[in-house]
Amino acid sequence: MAGEIQDVIDQLVIIQKAITGPAGEKDLVEAYDEPPAQITEFPCFYNREEEIGDIRRGAGVRRMFGRIGMHLLFGASGAQKYSVRSRRRWLKAVLDGFDVQLALGLAQLPVQYAPVTNVTFAPLELNGKEYVTATFWLDVQWTEAF
């Protein structure tokens, strides 16, 4: 899937941009598939593949498991009060958006299952700045022939 991981990330961006923000919250501004040079508007997603591991092989078939960090950024760490409140409100909206797309809508790719398995709230450092973040950990399972 090394060549197809970009297709998976591209599909994540499509799903993320379709998520309706919670009532009273600003809609998603952007979803990035690579580290942005600068972030000036929030909320936004930054998607990063974390690992491809637990690779299993059978007769001409390779089953792989990957983990993608979908980092939802709400603002610089100095603006925590409102950013933390927003982060709490977005939790359900993001989970709802991905729970109806457990195969990521990727019929052309061999993705069998891609659930969000947990959410962490540690700040994310990006380009020397720290951001208030909710990281949604997406575990992707796929099979491919070799």
N, C-alpha and C. Protein backbone atom coordinates (compact mmCIF):
# COMPACT_ATOMS: atom_id res chain seq x y z
N MET A 1 0.82 -1.20 0.00
CA MET A 1 0.00 0.00 0.00
C MET A 1 0.85 1.25 0.00
N ALA A 2 2.15 1.09 0.01
CA ALA A 2 3.00 2.28 0.06
C ALA A 2 2.60 3.28 -1.00
N GLY A 3 2.25 2.85 -2.19
CA GLY A 3 1.80 3.76 -3.24
C GLY A 3 0.37 4.22 -3.04
N GLU A 4 -0.40 3.50 -2.25
CA GLU A 4 -1.81 3.81 -2.07
C GLU A 4 -2.09 4.61 -0.79
N ILE A 5 -1.11 4.77 0.07
CA ILE A 5 -1.35 5.52 1.31
C ILE A 5 -1.79 6.94 1.00
N GLN A 6 -1.27 7.52 -0.08
CA GLN A 6 -1.72 8.87 -0.46
C GLN A 6 -3.19 8.87 -0.83
N ASP A 7 -3.67 7.79 -1.49
CA ASP A 7 -5.09 7.69 -1.82
C ASP A 7 -5.94 7.64 -0.56
N VAL A 8 -5.47 6.93 0.45
CA VAL A 8 -6.20 6.86 1.72
C VAL A 8 -6.25 8.24 2.37
N ILE A 9 -5.12 8.92 2.42
CA ILE A 9 -5.07 10.26 3.03
C ILE A 9 -5.96 11.23 2.24
N ASP A 10 -5.92 11.13 0.91
CA ASP A 10 -6.80 11.98 0.09
C ASP A 10 -8.27 11.75 0.45
N GLN A 11 -8.64 10.49 0.68
CA GLN A 11 -10.03 10.18 1.04
C GLN A 11 -10.36 10.71 2.43
N LEU A 12 -9.40 10.66 3.35
CA LEU A 12 -9.63 11.24 4.68
C LEU A 12 -9.96 12.72 4.57
N VAL A 13 -9.22 13.42 3.73
CA VAL A 13 -9.45 14.85 3.54
C VAL A 13 -10.87 15.10 3.03
N ILE A 14 -11.34 14.28 2.09
CA ILE A 14 -12.70 14.42 1.56
C ILE A 14 -13.72 14.21 2.67
N ILE A 15 -13.55 13.17 3.47
CA ILE A 15 -14.48 12.89 4.58
C ILE A 15 -14.44 14.03 5.59
N GLN A 16 -13.24 14.49 5.94
CA GLN A 16 -13.11 15.56 6.92
C GLN A 16 -13.80 16.84 6.46
N LYS A 17 -13.63 17.20 5.20
CA LYS A 17 -14.24 18.43 4.69
C LYS A 17 -15.77 18.35 4.63
N ALA A 18 -16.31 17.14 4.65
CA ALA A 18 -17.76 16.95 4.62
C ALA A 18 -18.38 16.98 6.02
N ILE A 19 -17.57 16.97 7.06
CA ILE A 19 -18.09 16.97 8.43
C ILE A 19 -18.70 18.33 8.75
N THR A 20 -19.92 18.31 9.23
CA THR A 20 -20.59 19.54 9.65
C THR A 20 -20.14 19.87 11.06
N GLY A 21 -19.69 21.08 11.24
CA GLY A 21 -19.23 21.50 12.57
C GLY A 21 -20.36 21.53 13.57
N PRO A 22 -20.04 21.40 14.84
CA PRO A 22 -21.06 21.46 15.88
C PRO A 22 -21.73 22.84 15.92
N ALA A 23 -22.95 22.88 16.40
CA ALA A 23 -23.69 24.13 16.51
C ALA A 23 -22.87 25.16 17.30
N GLY A 24 -22.79 26.35 16.76
CA GLY A 24 -22.07 27.43 17.43
C GLY A 24 -20.58 27.44 17.19
N GLU A 25 -20.07 26.48 16.45
CA GLU A 25 -18.64 26.40 16.16
C GLU A 25 -18.37 26.78 14.71
N LYS A 26 -17.20 27.30 14.47
CA LYS A 26 -16.76 27.63 13.12
C LYS A 26 -16.56 26.33 12.34
N ASP A 27 -16.92 26.33 11.06
CA ASP A 27 -16.72 25.16 10.22
C ASP A 27 -15.24 24.90 10.00
N LEU A 28 -14.91 23.68 9.61
CA LEU A 28 -13.54 23.31 9.30
C LEU A 28 -13.01 24.21 8.18
N VAL A 29 -11.82 24.73 8.38
CA VAL A 29 -11.21 25.64 7.41
C VAL A 29 -10.44 24.87 6.34
N GLU A 30 -9.67 23.86 6.76
CA GLU A 30 -8.82 23.14 5.82
C GLU A 30 -8.48 21.76 6.38
N ALA A 31 -8.08 20.87 5.49
CA ALA A 31 -7.56 19.55 5.88
C ALA A 31 -6.30 19.34 5.04
N TYR A 32 -5.17 19.16 5.72
CA TYR A 32 -3.88 19.05 5.05
C TYR A 32 -3.42 17.60 4.98
N ASP A 33 -2.81 17.24 3.84
CA ASP A 33 -2.27 15.90 3.69
C ASP A 33 -0.75 15.88 3.87
N GLU A 34 -0.18 17.02 4.17
CA GLU A 34 1.25 17.13 4.47
C GLU A 34 1.44 18.33 5.38
N PRO A 35 2.57 18.43 6.05
CA PRO A 35 2.74 19.54 7.00
C PRO A 35 2.61 20.90 6.31
N PRO A 36 1.69 21.72 6.75
CA PRO A 36 1.55 23.05 6.16
C PRO A 36 2.70 23.96 6.62
N ALA A 37 3.09 24.87 5.77
CA ALA A 37 4.17 25.80 6.11
C ALA A 37 3.75 26.72 7.25
N GLN A 38 2.47 27.10 7.25
CA GLN A 38 1.96 28.01 8.27
C GLN A 38 0.47 27.75 8.44
N ILE A 39 0.01 27.83 9.68
CA ILE A 39 -1.41 27.66 9.95
C ILE A 39 -1.91 28.96 10.58
N THR A 40 -2.88 29.58 9.93
CA THR A 40 -3.39 30.85 10.43
C THR A 40 -4.87 30.82 10.75
N GLU A 41 -5.59 29.79 10.25
CA GLU A 41 -7.02 29.69 10.51
C GLU A 41 -7.35 28.32 11.10
N PHE A 42 -8.32 28.32 11.98
CA PHE A 42 -8.71 27.11 12.70
C PHE A 42 -10.23 27.00 12.70
N PRO A 43 -10.74 25.79 12.89
CA PRO A 43 -10.07 24.50 13.05
C PRO A 43 -9.62 23.95 11.70
N CYS A 44 -8.59 23.11 11.76
CA CYS A 44 -8.09 22.45 10.57
C CYS A 44 -7.50 21.09 10.95
N PHE A 45 -7.53 20.18 10.00
CA PHE A 45 -6.92 18.86 10.18
C PHE A 45 -5.54 18.85 9.56
N TYR A 46 -4.64 18.15 10.21
CA TYR A 46 -3.34 17.80 9.63
C TYR A 46 -3.24 16.28 9.76
N ASN A 47 -3.15 15.59 8.64
CA ASN A 47 -3.13 14.12 8.60
C ASN A 47 -1.71 13.62 8.37
N ARG A 48 -1.32 12.65 9.20
CA ARG A 48 0.04 12.11 9.10
C ARG A 48 0.02 10.61 9.35
N GLU A 49 0.59 9.85 8.40
CA GLU A 49 0.72 8.41 8.62
C GLU A 49 1.77 8.21 9.71
N GLU A 50 1.44 7.41 10.68
CA GLU A 50 2.33 7.19 11.83
C GLU A 50 3.13 5.91 11.68
N GLU A 51 2.47 4.86 11.21
CA GLU A 51 3.19 3.60 11.03
C GLU A 51 2.41 2.66 10.14
N ILE A 52 3.14 1.77 9.51
CA ILE A 52 2.55 0.62 8.83
C ILE A 52 3.26 -0.57 9.45
N GLY A 53 2.51 -1.36 10.16
CA GLY A 53 3.12 -2.46 10.90
C GLY A 53 2.26 -3.70 10.87
N ASP A 54 2.71 -4.70 11.59
CA ASP A 54 2.01 -5.97 11.67
C ASP A 54 1.67 -6.48 10.27
N ILE A 55 2.69 -6.61 9.44
CA ILE A 55 2.50 -7.06 8.07
C ILE A 55 2.49 -8.59 8.06
N ARG A 56 1.39 -9.16 7.58
CA ARG A 56 1.23 -10.62 7.55
C ARG A 56 1.14 -11.08 6.10
N ARG A 57 1.72 -12.25 5.83
CA ARG A 57 1.72 -12.76 4.47
C ARG A 57 1.11 -14.14 4.39
N GLY A 58 0.41 -14.36 3.29
CA GLY A 58 -0.15 -15.67 2.98
C GLY A 58 0.22 -15.99 1.54
N ALA A 59 -0.47 -16.92 0.95
CA ALA A 59 -0.18 -17.34 -0.43
C ALA A 59 -0.49 -16.20 -1.40
N GLY A 60 0.54 -15.42 -1.73
CA GLY A 60 0.38 -14.33 -2.68
C GLY A 60 -0.40 -13.13 -2.18
N VAL A 61 -0.66 -13.10 -0.87
CA VAL A 61 -1.46 -12.01 -0.30
C VAL A 61 -0.72 -11.41 0.89
N ARG A 62 -0.77 -10.11 1.00
CA ARG A 62 -0.15 -9.40 2.12
C ARG A 62 -1.25 -8.62 2.83
N ARG A 63 -1.37 -8.84 4.13
CA ARG A 63 -2.34 -8.10 4.95
C ARG A 63 -1.55 -7.15 5.83
N MET A 64 -1.94 -5.87 5.80
CA MET A 64 -1.18 -4.85 6.51
C MET A 64 -2.11 -4.00 7.38
N PHE A 65 -1.50 -3.45 8.42
CA PHE A 65 -2.22 -2.61 9.36
C PHE A 65 -1.45 -1.31 9.51
N GLY A 66 -2.14 -0.20 9.36
CA GLY A 66 -1.48 1.10 9.47
C GLY A 66 -2.21 2.00 10.46
N ARG A 67 -1.52 3.01 10.90
CA ARG A 67 -2.10 3.98 11.83
C ARG A 67 -1.86 5.38 11.30
N ILE A 68 -2.95 6.15 11.25
CA ILE A 68 -2.88 7.53 10.78
C ILE A 68 -3.36 8.44 11.90
N GLY A 69 -2.58 9.47 12.18
CA GLY A 69 -2.98 10.48 13.15
C GLY A 69 -3.69 11.59 12.42
N MET A 70 -4.98 11.75 12.73
CA MET A 70 -5.76 12.86 12.16
C MET A 70 -5.79 13.94 13.24
N HIS A 71 -4.89 14.90 13.13
CA HIS A 71 -4.71 15.94 14.15
C HIS A 71 -5.64 17.11 13.83
N LEU A 72 -6.63 17.33 14.69
CA LEU A 72 -7.56 18.45 14.51
C LEU A 72 -7.07 19.59 15.40
N LEU A 73 -6.57 20.64 14.76
CA LEU A 73 -5.96 21.77 15.47
C LEU A 73 -6.99 22.88 15.68
N PHE A 74 -6.97 23.44 16.88
CA PHE A 74 -7.95 24.47 17.26
C PHE A 74 -7.35 25.84 17.50
N GLY A 75 -6.06 25.94 17.63
CA GLY A 75 -5.42 27.22 17.85
C GLY A 75 -4.10 27.02 18.57
N ALA A 76 -3.35 28.11 18.63
CA ALA A 76 -2.08 28.06 19.34
C ALA A 76 -2.34 27.81 20.82
N SER A 77 -1.39 27.15 21.46
CA SER A 77 -1.57 26.78 22.87
C SER A 77 -1.83 27.97 23.78
N GLY A 78 -1.45 29.17 23.39
CA GLY A 78 -1.70 30.35 24.22
C GLY A 78 -3.17 30.73 24.29
N ALA A 79 -3.98 30.26 23.36
CA ALA A 79 -5.41 30.59 23.33
C ALA A 79 -6.23 29.39 23.78
N GLN A 80 -5.87 28.82 24.91
CA GLN A 80 -6.44 27.54 25.32
C GLN A 80 -7.91 27.58 25.72
N LYS A 81 -8.38 28.61 26.40
CA LYS A 81 -9.74 28.58 26.95
C LYS A 81 -10.78 28.24 25.88
N TYR A 82 -10.83 29.01 24.82
CA TYR A 82 -11.85 28.76 23.81
C TYR A 82 -11.49 27.58 22.92
N SER A 83 -10.22 27.33 22.71
CA SER A 83 -9.80 26.19 21.90
C SER A 83 -10.18 24.87 22.55
N VAL A 84 -10.00 24.77 23.85
CA VAL A 84 -10.34 23.53 24.56
C VAL A 84 -11.84 23.30 24.54
N ARG A 85 -12.62 24.34 24.69
CA ARG A 85 -14.08 24.20 24.61
C ARG A 85 -14.50 23.73 23.22
N SER A 86 -13.91 24.30 22.19
CA SER A 86 -14.22 23.88 20.81
C SER A 86 -13.86 22.43 20.59
N ARG A 87 -12.71 22.06 21.09
CA ARG A 87 -12.24 20.68 20.92
C ARG A 87 -13.26 19.70 21.49
N ARG A 88 -13.80 19.98 22.63
CA ARG A 88 -14.81 19.09 23.25
C ARG A 88 -16.05 18.98 22.37
N ARG A 89 -16.46 20.08 21.77
CA ARG A 89 -17.67 20.07 20.94
C ARG A 89 -17.48 19.30 19.63
N TRP A 90 -16.27 19.30 19.11
CA TRP A 90 -16.00 18.65 17.83
C TRP A 90 -15.89 17.13 17.93
N LEU A 91 -15.68 16.59 19.10
CA LEU A 91 -15.45 15.16 19.27
C LEU A 91 -16.53 14.31 18.61
N LYS A 92 -17.78 14.56 18.94
CA LYS A 92 -18.89 13.76 18.41
C LYS A 92 -19.02 13.94 16.90
N ALA A 93 -18.86 15.15 16.40
CA ALA A 93 -19.01 15.39 14.97
C ALA A 93 -18.00 14.59 14.15
N VAL A 94 -16.76 14.55 14.61
CA VAL A 94 -15.73 13.81 13.87
C VAL A 94 -15.98 12.30 13.97
N LEU A 95 -16.29 11.82 15.15
CA LEU A 95 -16.57 10.38 15.29
C LEU A 95 -17.76 9.97 14.43
N ASP A 96 -18.82 10.78 14.42
CA ASP A 96 -19.98 10.48 13.58
C ASP A 96 -19.59 10.46 12.11
N GLY A 97 -18.77 11.39 11.68
CA GLY A 97 -18.35 11.46 10.28
C GLY A 97 -17.58 10.24 9.82
N PHE A 98 -16.78 9.67 10.71
CA PHE A 98 -15.98 8.51 10.33
C PHE A 98 -16.67 7.18 10.63
N ASP A 99 -17.58 7.14 11.58
CA ASP A 99 -18.26 5.88 11.88
C ASP A 99 -19.17 5.43 10.75
N VAL A 100 -19.59 6.32 9.89
CA VAL A 100 -20.41 5.91 8.73
C VAL A 100 -19.54 5.64 7.51
N GLN A 101 -18.21 5.71 7.65
CA GLN A 101 -17.28 5.48 6.55
C GLN A 101 -16.19 4.49 6.97
N LEU A 102 -16.57 3.37 7.55
CA LEU A 102 -15.58 2.45 8.12
C LEU A 102 -14.68 1.77 7.10
N ALA A 103 -14.99 1.87 5.82
CA ALA A 103 -14.08 1.40 4.77
C ALA A 103 -13.59 2.60 3.96
N LEU A 104 -13.84 3.79 4.46
CA LEU A 104 -13.42 5.06 3.87
C LEU A 104 -14.04 5.32 2.50
N GLY A 105 -15.05 4.54 2.12
CA GLY A 105 -15.68 4.73 0.82
C GLY A 105 -14.72 4.47 -0.34
N LEU A 106 -13.76 3.59 -0.12
CA LEU A 106 -12.72 3.34 -1.12
C LEU A 106 -12.89 1.97 -1.78
N ALA A 107 -13.89 1.85 -2.62
CA ALA A 107 -14.14 0.58 -3.30
C ALA A 107 -12.97 0.20 -4.20
N GLN A 108 -12.25 1.19 -4.73
CA GLN A 108 -11.14 0.89 -5.64
C GLN A 108 -9.87 0.46 -4.91
N LEU A 109 -9.82 0.61 -3.59
CA LEU A 109 -8.66 0.19 -2.82
C LEU A 109 -9.05 -0.97 -1.90
N PRO A 110 -8.07 -1.77 -1.50
CA PRO A 110 -8.37 -2.94 -0.68
C PRO A 110 -8.50 -2.64 0.81
N VAL A 111 -9.11 -1.51 1.17
CA VAL A 111 -9.28 -1.17 2.59
C VAL A 111 -10.52 -1.89 3.11
N GLN A 112 -10.32 -2.77 4.10
CA GLN A 112 -11.44 -3.50 4.66
C GLN A 112 -12.08 -2.78 5.85
N TYR A 113 -11.25 -2.10 6.63
CA TYR A 113 -11.76 -1.56 7.89
C TYR A 113 -10.86 -0.42 8.31
N ALA A 114 -11.45 0.72 8.68
CA ALA A 114 -10.65 1.87 9.09
C ALA A 114 -11.40 2.65 10.17
N PRO A 115 -11.44 2.12 11.39
CA PRO A 115 -12.14 2.82 12.47
C PRO A 115 -11.21 3.80 13.21
N VAL A 116 -11.83 4.82 13.80
CA VAL A 116 -11.12 5.65 14.78
C VAL A 116 -11.12 4.82 16.06
N THR A 117 -9.93 4.49 16.56
CA THR A 117 -9.85 3.61 17.73
C THR A 117 -9.65 4.34 19.04
N ASN A 118 -9.12 5.55 19.00
CA ASN A 118 -9.03 6.35 20.22
C ASN A 118 -8.73 7.80 19.85
N VAL A 119 -8.88 8.66 20.84
CA VAL A 119 -8.66 10.10 20.67
C VAL A 119 -7.75 10.55 21.81
N THR A 120 -6.72 11.34 21.48
CA THR A 120 -5.85 11.89 22.51
C THR A 120 -5.88 13.42 22.41
N PHE A 121 -5.52 14.06 23.51
CA PHE A 121 -5.64 15.51 23.59
C PHE A 121 -4.33 16.21 23.88
N ALA A 122 -3.21 15.55 23.65
CA ALA A 122 -1.91 16.18 23.88
C ALA A 122 -1.68 17.26 22.83
N PRO A 123 -1.02 18.35 23.21
CA PRO A 123 -0.71 19.38 22.22
C PRO A 123 0.17 18.82 21.12
N LEU A 124 0.08 19.41 19.94
CA LEU A 124 0.91 19.01 18.82
C LEU A 124 1.86 20.14 18.48
N GLU A 125 3.15 19.81 18.34
CA GLU A 125 4.11 20.81 17.89
C GLU A 125 4.31 20.64 16.40
N LEU A 126 4.19 21.74 15.70
CA LEU A 126 4.33 21.74 14.26
C LEU A 126 5.01 23.04 13.85
N ASN A 127 6.10 22.94 13.13
CA ASN A 127 6.85 24.11 12.68
C ASN A 127 7.26 25.03 13.84
N GLY A 128 7.62 24.43 14.96
CA GLY A 128 8.09 25.21 16.10
C GLY A 128 7.00 25.85 16.94
N LYS A 129 5.74 25.58 16.63
CA LYS A 129 4.62 26.12 17.41
C LYS A 129 3.83 24.96 17.99
N GLU A 130 3.23 25.20 19.13
CA GLU A 130 2.41 24.19 19.79
C GLU A 130 0.94 24.57 19.64
N TYR A 131 0.10 23.56 19.35
CA TYR A 131 -1.33 23.79 19.10
C TYR A 131 -2.20 22.94 20.02
N VAL A 132 -3.35 23.49 20.40
CA VAL A 132 -4.38 22.72 21.09
C VAL A 132 -4.97 21.78 20.04
N THR A 133 -4.94 20.49 20.34
CA THR A 133 -5.25 19.48 19.34
C THR A 133 -6.08 18.34 19.92
N ALA A 134 -6.94 17.79 19.09
CA ALA A 134 -7.57 16.50 19.35
C ALA A 134 -7.05 15.59 18.24
N THR A 135 -6.36 14.52 18.60
CA THR A 135 -5.84 13.60 17.61
C THR A 135 -6.73 12.36 17.57
N PHE A 136 -7.31 12.13 16.41
CA PHE A 136 -8.16 10.96 16.19
C PHE A 136 -7.28 9.92 15.52
N TRP A 137 -7.08 8.78 16.18
CA TRP A 137 -6.20 7.72 15.68
C TRP A 137 -7.03 6.76 14.84
N LEU A 138 -6.70 6.71 13.57
CA LEU A 138 -7.40 5.87 12.61
C LEU A 138 -6.54 4.66 12.30
N ASP A 139 -7.05 3.47 12.57
CA ASP A 139 -6.34 2.23 12.28
C ASP A 139 -6.90 1.64 10.99
N VAL A 140 -6.05 1.53 9.99
CA VAL A 140 -6.47 1.07 8.66
C VAL A 140 -5.97 -0.35 8.43
N GLN A 141 -6.86 -1.21 7.94
CA GLN A 141 -6.50 -2.58 7.60
C GLN A 141 -6.77 -2.80 6.11
N TRP A 142 -5.81 -3.38 5.41
CA TRP A 142 -6.01 -3.65 3.99
C TRP A 142 -5.26 -4.91 3.59
N THR A 143 -5.69 -5.45 2.46
CA THR A 143 -5.08 -6.64 1.89
C THR A 143 -4.73 -6.34 0.44
N GLU A 144 -3.55 -6.82 0.03
CA GLU A 144 -3.14 -6.64 -1.36
C GLU A 144 -2.38 -7.86 -1.83
N ALA A 145 -2.46 -8.10 -3.10
CA ALA A 145 -1.73 -9.22 -3.70
C ALA A 145 -0.30 -8.82 -3.99
N PHE A 146 0.60 -9.81 -3.99
CA PHE A 146 1.98 -9.56 -4.41
C PHE A 146 2.49 -10.74 -5.21
